[in-house]
Amino acid sequence: MALTDIYKNFRIGKLSALILAGGSGTRMGSEIPKQHIQIHSIPVIVHTLLVFEKTACVHEIIVAIRPGEENLYEEYKQKYAITKLKKTVIGGSTRSESAFHAMEAADPDCDYIAVHDGARCLVTPRIIETVAFEAVRHKAATAACPVTDTVVIINSVGMTETDGQPARSSLMALQTPQIFDANLYRAISYTAQQDGFSGTDDTSLAHHCGFACKAVNTGSTNIKITTKEDILRAEILLSGKEDNV
């Protein structure tokens, strides 16, 4: 039975999706911001938005964008019929600031808030629904992938620590979407702002406030576009995406 069948009677209330799309192509060596690079003739960010558009539990989409891109996103909205895209906001100087700006633009009556990296265009409705289901159960949940490599802790000169090899069974690489009870997310976001804390993702904001998040194994295909090699891999994976939604 497909996960979408399991969740067809699942009700989450209003879920506002905050899509963070203020990045650049620096690490890719591209003059075009990575979210606007085309894969199969469609911009990366549009692939992402279309998945959230067709995910039933998503109520609205807010995108944190680069300054001057307002008209471009209006074009995307019209051309690709992204009806759930309600607002764009200018992102901040950090990931946390961008998410905070998007949160403040979200429906104040929403029940859950999902935060997702715009460059993670291989996400599927199945992944979003799975994480949302666990967020309802645990108040906070994140997509994650098991770590298959051996991970070690090194010292300042690059030598491995003798007691610095965590068991792989206890390690997962966190991804997005990360979905939270809306009141919890607002609380951890405002607290982080007041404390001057800027985390690497939104689970780190929760951890800063003493809250744990449910890590949900959503597989290894939910990659983030960061390098040119990621583009090639995404082209292959998107070719078969219809089989995974």
C-alpha atoms as a PDB file:
ATOM      1  CA  MET A   1       0.000   0.000   0.000  1.00  0.00           C
ATOM      2  CA  ALA A   2       1.368   3.438  -0.946  1.00  0.00           C
ATOM      3  CA  LEU A   3       1.982   5.990   1.782  1.00  0.00           C
ATOM      4  CA  THR A   4      -0.381   8.371   0.020  1.00  0.00           C
ATOM      5  CA  ASP A   5      -3.132   5.762   0.544  1.00  0.00           C
ATOM      6  CA  ILE A   6      -2.283   5.515   4.239  1.00  0.00           C
ATOM      7  CA  TYR A   7      -2.571   9.276   4.603  1.00  0.00           C
ATOM      8  CA  LYS A   8      -5.604   9.890   2.382  1.00  0.00           C
ATOM      9  CA  ASN A   9      -7.809  10.353   5.473  1.00  0.00           C
ATOM     10  CA  PHE A  10      -5.068  12.162   7.377  1.00  0.00           C
ATOM     11  CA  ARG A  11      -6.008  15.649   8.508  1.00  0.00           C
ATOM     12  CA  ILE A  12      -3.378  18.087   9.704  1.00  0.00           C
ATOM     13  CA  GLY A  13      -5.366  21.319   9.660  1.00  0.00           C
ATOM     14  CA  LYS A  14      -3.659  24.274   7.994  1.00  0.00           C
ATOM     15  CA  LEU A  15      -0.011  23.701   7.095  1.00  0.00           C
ATOM     16  CA  SER A  16       2.011  26.702   5.938  1.00  0.00           C
ATOM     17  CA  ALA A  17       5.109  25.802   3.924  1.00  0.00           C
ATOM     18  CA  LEU A  18       8.058  28.189   4.207  1.00  0.00           C
ATOM     19  CA  ILE A  19      10.417  27.684   1.262  1.00  0.00           C
ATOM     20  CA  LEU A  20      13.897  29.159   1.663  1.00  0.00           C
ATOM     21  CA  ALA A  21      15.218  30.276  -1.720  1.00  0.00           C
ATOM     22  CA  GLY A  22      17.679  33.054  -1.002  1.00  0.00           C
ATOM     23  CA  GLY A  23      20.837  31.082  -1.773  1.00  0.00           C
ATOM     24  CA  SER A  24      23.423  31.668  -4.475  1.00  0.00           C
ATOM     25  CA  GLY A  25      25.419  29.542  -6.864  1.00  0.00           C
ATOM     26  CA  THR A  26      28.741  30.214  -5.140  1.00  0.00           C
ATOM     27  CA  ARG A  27      29.719  26.633  -4.365  1.00  0.00           C
ATOM     28  CA  MET A  28      28.510  25.563  -7.777  1.00  0.00           C
ATOM     29  CA  GLY A  29      30.588  28.179  -9.549  1.00  0.00           C
ATOM     30  CA  SER A  30      27.486  29.488 -11.313  1.00  0.00           C
ATOM     31  CA  GLU A  31      26.497  33.071 -12.050  1.00  0.00           C
ATOM     32  CA  ILE A  32      22.876  31.939 -11.851  1.00  0.00           C
ATOM     33  CA  PRO A  33      21.551  31.328  -8.321  1.00  0.00           C
ATOM     34  CA  LYS A  34      21.218  27.568  -7.951  1.00  0.00           C
ATOM     35  CA  GLN A  35      17.461  27.693  -7.374  1.00  0.00           C
ATOM     36  CA  HIS A  36      16.974  29.159 -10.863  1.00  0.00           C
ATOM     37  CA  ILE A  37      19.172  26.673 -12.732  1.00  0.00           C
ATOM     38  CA  GLN A  38      17.006  24.564 -14.996  1.00  0.00           C
ATOM     39  CA  ILE A  39      16.630  20.806 -14.740  1.00  0.00           C
ATOM     40  CA  HIS A  40      14.542  19.256 -17.510  1.00  0.00           C
ATOM     41  CA  SER A  41      13.800  22.823 -18.705  1.00  0.00           C
ATOM     42  CA  ILE A  42      12.211  23.822 -15.381  1.00  0.00           C
ATOM     43  CA  PRO A  43      13.950  25.902 -12.667  1.00  0.00           C
ATOM     44  CA  VAL A  44      14.992  24.009  -9.543  1.00  0.00           C
ATOM     45  CA  ILE A  45      12.769  26.154  -7.331  1.00  0.00           C
ATOM     46  CA  VAL A  46       9.755  25.516  -9.554  1.00  0.00           C
ATOM     47  CA  HIS A  47      10.245  21.752  -9.217  1.00  0.00           C
ATOM     48  CA  THR A  48      10.142  22.282  -5.450  1.00  0.00           C
ATOM     49  CA  LEU A  49       7.108  24.562  -5.485  1.00  0.00           C
ATOM     50  CA  LEU A  50       5.123  22.223  -7.721  1.00  0.00           C
ATOM     51  CA  VAL A  51       5.582  19.361  -5.254  1.00  0.00           C
ATOM     52  CA  PHE A  52       4.224  21.458  -2.391  1.00  0.00           C
ATOM     53  CA  GLU A  53       1.450  22.697  -4.680  1.00  0.00           C
ATOM     54  CA  LYS A  54       0.146  19.165  -5.228  1.00  0.00           C
ATOM     55  CA  THR A  55       0.578  17.963  -1.630  1.00  0.00           C
ATOM     56  CA  ALA A  56      -2.906  17.882  -0.174  1.00  0.00           C
ATOM     57  CA  CYS A  57      -1.994  18.824   3.405  1.00  0.00           C
ATOM     58  CA  VAL A  58      -0.224  22.049   2.335  1.00  0.00           C
ATOM     59  CA  HIS A  59      -2.459  25.089   2.860  1.00  0.00           C
ATOM     60  CA  GLU A  60      -0.182  27.864   1.591  1.00  0.00           C
ATOM     61  CA  ILE A  61       3.368  28.515   0.403  1.00  0.00           C
ATOM     62  CA  ILE A  62       5.559  31.439   1.470  1.00  0.00           C
ATOM     63  CA  VAL A  63       8.940  31.846  -0.256  1.00  0.00           C
ATOM     64  CA  ALA A  64      11.945  33.722   1.155  1.00  0.00           C
ATOM     65  CA  ILE A  65      13.659  35.120  -1.942  1.00  0.00           C
ATOM     66  CA  ARG A  66      16.618  37.242  -3.033  1.00  0.00           C
ATOM     67  CA  PRO A  67      16.017  41.008  -3.366  1.00  0.00           C
ATOM     68  CA  GLY A  68      14.709  42.001  -6.788  1.00  0.00           C
ATOM     69  CA  GLU A  69      13.149  38.619  -7.625  1.00  0.00           C
ATOM     70  CA  GLU A  70       9.543  39.505  -6.824  1.00  0.00           C
ATOM     71  CA  ASN A  71       8.481  39.750 -10.464  1.00  0.00           C
ATOM     72  CA  LEU A  72      10.286  36.524 -11.336  1.00  0.00           C
ATOM     73  CA  TYR A  73       8.283  34.585  -8.749  1.00  0.00           C
ATOM     74  CA  GLU A  74       5.081  36.163  -9.981  1.00  0.00           C
ATOM     75  CA  GLU A  75       6.003  34.848 -13.435  1.00  0.00           C
ATOM     76  CA  TYR A  76       6.638  31.376 -11.994  1.00  0.00           C
ATOM     77  CA  LYS A  77       3.302  31.497 -10.195  1.00  0.00           C
ATOM     78  CA  GLN A  78       1.382  32.356 -13.348  1.00  0.00           C
ATOM     79  CA  LYS A  79       3.296  30.187 -15.817  1.00  0.00           C
ATOM     80  CA  TYR A  80       3.225  27.020 -13.701  1.00  0.00           C
ATOM     81  CA  ALA A  81      -0.148  27.597 -11.968  1.00  0.00           C
ATOM     82  CA  ILE A  82       1.261  27.553  -8.448  1.00  0.00           C
ATOM     83  CA  THR A  83      -1.953  28.655  -6.766  1.00  0.00           C
ATOM     84  CA  LYS A  84      -0.805  28.005  -3.187  1.00  0.00           C
ATOM     85  CA  LEU A  85       2.038  30.524  -3.479  1.00  0.00           C
ATOM     86  CA  LYS A  86       0.570  33.324  -1.386  1.00  0.00           C
ATOM     87  CA  LYS A  87       3.520  35.593  -0.642  1.00  0.00           C
ATOM     88  CA  THR A  88       7.203  36.192  -1.173  1.00  0.00           C
ATOM     89  CA  VAL A  89       9.406  37.871   1.409  1.00  0.00           C
ATOM     90  CA  ILE A  90      12.995  39.083   1.211  1.00  0.00           C
ATOM     91  CA  GLY A  91      15.317  36.653   2.946  1.00  0.00           C
ATOM     92  CA  GLY A  92      17.736  37.694   5.657  1.00  0.00           C
ATOM     93  CA  SER A  93      21.512  37.463   5.942  1.00  0.00           C
ATOM     94  CA  THR A  94      21.261  34.006   7.538  1.00  0.00           C
ATOM     95  CA  ARG A  95      19.070  30.961   7.038  1.00  0.00           C
ATOM     96  CA  SER A  96      17.395  31.575  10.397  1.00  0.00           C
ATOM     97  CA  GLU A  97      16.555  35.173   9.488  1.00  0.00           C
ATOM     98  CA  SER A  98      15.029  34.074   6.180  1.00  0.00           C
ATOM     99  CA  ALA A  99      12.864  31.482   7.914  1.00  0.00           C
ATOM    100  CA  PHE A 100      11.846  34.056  10.527  1.00  0.00           C
ATOM    101  CA  HIS A 101      10.739  36.552   7.858  1.00  0.00           C
ATOM    102  CA  ALA A 102       8.734  33.856   6.083  1.00  0.00           C
ATOM    103  CA  MET A 103       7.141  32.720   9.340  1.00  0.00           C
ATOM    104  CA  GLU A 104       5.946  36.236  10.092  1.00  0.00           C
ATOM    105  CA  ALA A 105       4.210  36.320   6.679  1.00  0.00           C
ATOM    106  CA  ALA A 106       2.428  32.988   7.194  1.00  0.00           C
ATOM    107  CA  ASP A 107      -1.260  32.617   8.026  1.00  0.00           C
ATOM    108  CA  PRO A 108      -1.533  33.417  11.768  1.00  0.00           C
ATOM    109  CA  ASP A 109      -4.203  30.731  12.033  1.00  0.00           C
ATOM    110  CA  CYS A 110      -2.074  27.922  10.602  1.00  0.00           C
ATOM    111  CA  ASP A 111      -1.731  24.778  12.717  1.00  0.00           C
ATOM    112  CA  TYR A 112       1.657  23.562  11.459  1.00  0.00           C
ATOM    113  CA  ILE A 113       4.664  25.140   9.795  1.00  0.00           C
ATOM    114  CA  ALA A 114       6.959  23.314   7.382  1.00  0.00           C
ATOM    115  CA  VAL A 115      10.383  24.727   6.525  1.00  0.00           C
ATOM    116  CA  HIS A 116      12.058  23.476   3.363  1.00  0.00           C
ATOM    117  CA  ASP A 117      15.191  24.308   1.387  1.00  0.00           C
ATOM    118  CA  GLY A 118      14.192  25.536  -2.066  1.00  0.00           C
ATOM    119  CA  ALA A 119      17.173  23.739  -3.625  1.00  0.00           C
ATOM    120  CA  ARG A 120      15.950  20.373  -2.323  1.00  0.00           C
ATOM    121  CA  CYS A 121      13.822  19.756  -5.403  1.00  0.00           C
ATOM    122  CA  LEU A 122      13.654  15.951  -5.190  1.00  0.00           C
ATOM    123  CA  VAL A 123      11.195  16.096  -2.305  1.00  0.00           C
ATOM    124  CA  THR A 124       7.881  14.313  -2.927  1.00  0.00           C
ATOM    125  CA  PRO A 125       4.342  14.564  -1.528  1.00  0.00           C
ATOM    126  CA  ARG A 126       5.007  11.210   0.133  1.00  0.00           C
ATOM    127  CA  ILE A 127       7.960  12.645   2.060  1.00  0.00           C
ATOM    128  CA  ILE A 128       6.028  15.766   3.089  1.00  0.00           C
ATOM    129  CA  GLU A 129       3.047  13.712   4.257  1.00  0.00           C
ATOM    130  CA  THR A 130       5.236  11.304   6.187  1.00  0.00           C
ATOM    131  CA  VAL A 131       7.028  14.076   8.066  1.00  0.00           C
ATOM    132  CA  ALA A 132       3.739  15.932   8.659  1.00  0.00           C
ATOM    133  CA  PHE A 133       2.182  12.802  10.153  1.00  0.00           C
ATOM    134  CA  GLU A 134       5.071  12.474  12.603  1.00  0.00           C
ATOM    135  CA  ALA A 135       4.891  16.193  13.417  1.00  0.00           C
ATOM    136  CA  VAL A 136       1.293  15.713  14.504  1.00  0.00           C
ATOM    137  CA  ARG A 137       2.395  12.884  16.779  1.00  0.00           C
ATOM    138  CA  HIS A 138       5.546  14.496  18.172  1.00  0.00           C
ATOM    139  CA  LYS A 139       5.063  18.282  17.686  1.00  0.00           C
ATOM    140  CA  ALA A 140       8.272  18.443  15.629  1.00  0.00           C
ATOM    141  CA  ALA A 141       9.653  16.164  12.910  1.00  0.00           C
ATOM    142  CA  THR A 142      12.302  16.276  10.217  1.00  0.00           C
ATOM    143  CA  ALA A 143      13.163  14.349   7.094  1.00  0.00           C
ATOM    144  CA  ALA A 144      16.408  12.429   7.574  1.00  0.00           C
ATOM    145  CA  CYS A 145      18.657   9.919   5.883  1.00  0.00           C
ATOM    146  CA  PRO A 146      20.711   7.184   7.589  1.00  0.00           C
ATOM    147  CA  VAL A 147      24.465   7.745   7.483  1.00  0.00           C
ATOM    148  CA  THR A 148      26.231   4.947   5.607  1.00  0.00           C
ATOM    149  CA  ASP A 149      29.818   6.213   5.812  1.00  0.00           C
ATOM    150  CA  THR A 150      32.021   5.851   8.862  1.00  0.00           C
ATOM    151  CA  VAL A 151      31.973   9.184  10.712  1.00  0.00           C
ATOM    152  CA  VAL A 152      34.803  10.236  13.029  1.00  0.00           C
ATOM    153  CA  ILE A 153      35.659  13.226  15.173  1.00  0.00           C
ATOM    154  CA  ILE A 154      38.969  14.882  14.362  1.00  0.00           C
ATOM    155  CA  ASN A 155      41.189  17.288  16.273  1.00  0.00           C
ATOM    156  CA  SER A 156      42.518  20.690  15.179  1.00  0.00           C
ATOM    157  CA  VAL A 157      45.268  19.154  13.014  1.00  0.00           C
ATOM    158  CA  GLY A 158      43.014  16.629  11.293  1.00  0.00           C
ATOM    159  CA  MET A 159      43.929  13.550  13.337  1.00  0.00           C
ATOM    160  CA  THR A 160      41.144  11.172  14.296  1.00  0.00           C
ATOM    161  CA  GLU A 161      40.258  11.069  17.963  1.00  0.00           C
ATOM    162  CA  THR A 162      40.625   7.601  19.465  1.00  0.00           C
ATOM    163  CA  ASP A 163      37.193   7.795  21.047  1.00  0.00           C
ATOM    164  CA  GLY A 164      35.639   9.836  18.249  1.00  0.00           C
ATOM    165  CA  GLN A 165      33.864   7.201  16.150  1.00  0.00           C
ATOM    166  CA  PRO A 166      30.105   7.238  16.829  1.00  0.00           C
ATOM    167  CA  ALA A 167      28.141   4.132  15.907  1.00  0.00           C
ATOM    168  CA  ARG A 168      26.541   4.516  12.467  1.00  0.00           C
ATOM    169  CA  SER A 169      23.308   3.076  13.829  1.00  0.00           C
ATOM    170  CA  SER A 170      22.908   6.207  15.953  1.00  0.00           C
ATOM    171  CA  LEU A 171      23.614   8.698  13.147  1.00  0.00           C
ATOM    172  CA  MET A 172      21.293  10.331  10.644  1.00  0.00           C
ATOM    173  CA  ALA A 173      21.803  13.242   8.259  1.00  0.00           C
ATOM    174  CA  LEU A 174      19.012  15.754   8.716  1.00  0.00           C
ATOM    175  CA  GLN A 175      17.241  17.141   5.657  1.00  0.00           C
ATOM    176  CA  THR A 176      14.072  19.114   5.000  1.00  0.00           C
ATOM    177  CA  PRO A 177      11.122  19.447   5.223  1.00  0.00           C
ATOM    178  CA  GLN A 178      11.181  20.089   8.939  1.00  0.00           C
ATOM    179  CA  ILE A 179       7.650  20.423  10.273  1.00  0.00           C
ATOM    180  CA  PHE A 180       6.537  21.866  13.600  1.00  0.00           C
ATOM    181  CA  ASP A 181       3.420  22.622  15.572  1.00  0.00           C
ATOM    182  CA  ALA A 182       2.911  26.286  14.640  1.00  0.00           C
ATOM    183  CA  ASN A 183       2.885  27.606  18.204  1.00  0.00           C
ATOM    184  CA  LEU A 184       6.038  25.644  19.016  1.00  0.00           C
ATOM    185  CA  TYR A 185       7.783  26.953  15.915  1.00  0.00           C
ATOM    186  CA  ARG A 186       6.902  30.550  16.688  1.00  0.00           C
ATOM    187  CA  ALA A 187       8.163  30.101  20.253  1.00  0.00           C
ATOM    188  CA  ILE A 188      11.532  28.618  19.263  1.00  0.00           C
ATOM    189  CA  SER A 189      11.985  31.186  16.479  1.00  0.00           C
ATOM    190  CA  TYR A 190      11.302  34.196  18.689  1.00  0.00           C
ATOM    191  CA  THR A 191      13.492  32.737  21.438  1.00  0.00           C
ATOM    192  CA  ALA A 192      16.366  32.226  19.009  1.00  0.00           C
ATOM    193  CA  GLN A 193      15.976  35.813  17.783  1.00  0.00           C
ATOM    194  CA  GLN A 194      16.039  37.175  21.320  1.00  0.00           C
ATOM    195  CA  ASP A 195      19.078  35.062  22.222  1.00  0.00           C
ATOM    196  CA  GLY A 196      20.962  35.958  19.035  1.00  0.00           C
ATOM    197  CA  PHE A 197      21.138  32.265  18.175  1.00  0.00           C
ATOM    198  CA  SER A 198      21.412  31.327  14.498  1.00  0.00           C
ATOM    199  CA  GLY A 199      21.232  27.597  13.884  1.00  0.00           C
ATOM    200  CA  THR A 200      22.198  25.603  10.842  1.00  0.00           C
ATOM    201  CA  ASP A 201      18.611  24.400  10.483  1.00  0.00           C
ATOM    202  CA  ASP A 202      15.336  24.612  12.359  1.00  0.00           C
ATOM    203  CA  THR A 203      15.872  21.529  14.504  1.00  0.00           C
ATOM    204  CA  SER A 204      18.839  23.367  15.997  1.00  0.00           C
ATOM    205  CA  LEU A 205      16.455  26.158  17.047  1.00  0.00           C
ATOM    206  CA  ALA A 206      14.300  23.550  18.779  1.00  0.00           C
ATOM    207  CA  HIS A 207      17.338  21.980  20.442  1.00  0.00           C
ATOM    208  CA  HIS A 208      18.436  25.436  21.612  1.00  0.00           C
ATOM    209  CA  CYS A 209      15.133  25.658  23.486  1.00  0.00           C
ATOM    210  CA  GLY A 210      15.297  22.113  24.848  1.00  0.00           C
ATOM    211  CA  PHE A 211      12.906  20.429  22.397  1.00  0.00           C
ATOM    212  CA  ALA A 212      13.692  17.212  20.518  1.00  0.00           C
ATOM    213  CA  CYS A 213      12.504  16.464  16.962  1.00  0.00           C
ATOM    214  CA  LYS A 214      11.425  13.152  15.486  1.00  0.00           C
ATOM    215  CA  ALA A 215      13.882  12.079  12.768  1.00  0.00           C
ATOM    216  CA  VAL A 216      11.975  10.370   9.955  1.00  0.00           C
ATOM    217  CA  ASN A 217      13.853   8.099   7.541  1.00  0.00           C
ATOM    218  CA  THR A 218      12.747   9.407   4.139  1.00  0.00           C
ATOM    219  CA  GLY A 219      15.472   7.773   2.073  1.00  0.00           C
ATOM    220  CA  SER A 220      18.507   8.965   0.155  1.00  0.00           C
ATOM    221  CA  THR A 221      16.967  10.647  -2.915  1.00  0.00           C
ATOM    222  CA  ASN A 222      15.878  13.901  -1.230  1.00  0.00           C
ATOM    223  CA  ILE A 223      19.133  15.609  -2.180  1.00  0.00           C
ATOM    224  CA  LYS A 224      19.950  19.313  -2.053  1.00  0.00           C
ATOM    225  CA  ILE A 225      21.345  20.993  -5.166  1.00  0.00           C
ATOM    226  CA  THR A 226      24.746  22.326  -4.143  1.00  0.00           C
ATOM    227  CA  THR A 227      27.278  21.252  -6.788  1.00  0.00           C
ATOM    228  CA  LYS A 228      27.281  20.547 -10.524  1.00  0.00           C
ATOM    229  CA  GLU A 229      27.335  16.844  -9.719  1.00  0.00           C
ATOM    230  CA  ASP A 230      24.060  17.284  -7.847  1.00  0.00           C
ATOM    231  CA  ILE A 231      22.476  18.666 -11.028  1.00  0.00           C
ATOM    232  CA  LEU A 232      23.441  15.533 -12.935  1.00  0.00           C
ATOM    233  CA  ARG A 233      22.102  13.269 -10.213  1.00  0.00           C
ATOM    234  CA  ALA A 234      18.879  15.267  -9.972  1.00  0.00           C
ATOM    235  CA  GLU A 235      18.314  14.946 -13.727  1.00  0.00           C
ATOM    236  CA  ILE A 236      18.481  11.168 -13.409  1.00  0.00           C
ATOM    237  CA  LEU A 237      16.308  10.991 -10.303  1.00  0.00           C
ATOM    238  CA  LEU A 238      13.680  13.380 -11.648  1.00  0.00           C
ATOM    239  CA  SER A 239      13.328  11.221 -14.740  1.00  0.00           C
ATOM    240  CA  GLY A 240      11.731   8.560 -12.535  1.00  0.00           C
ATOM    241  CA  LYS A 241      10.121  10.852  -9.988  1.00  0.00           C
ATOM    242  CA  GLU A 242       6.582  10.108 -11.132  1.00  0.00           C
ATOM    243  CA  ASP A 243       7.008   6.606  -9.766  1.00  0.00           C
ATOM    244  CA  ASN A 244       7.786   7.936  -6.285  1.00  0.00           C
ATOM    245  CA  VAL A 245       5.078  10.545  -5.638  1.00  0.00           C
END
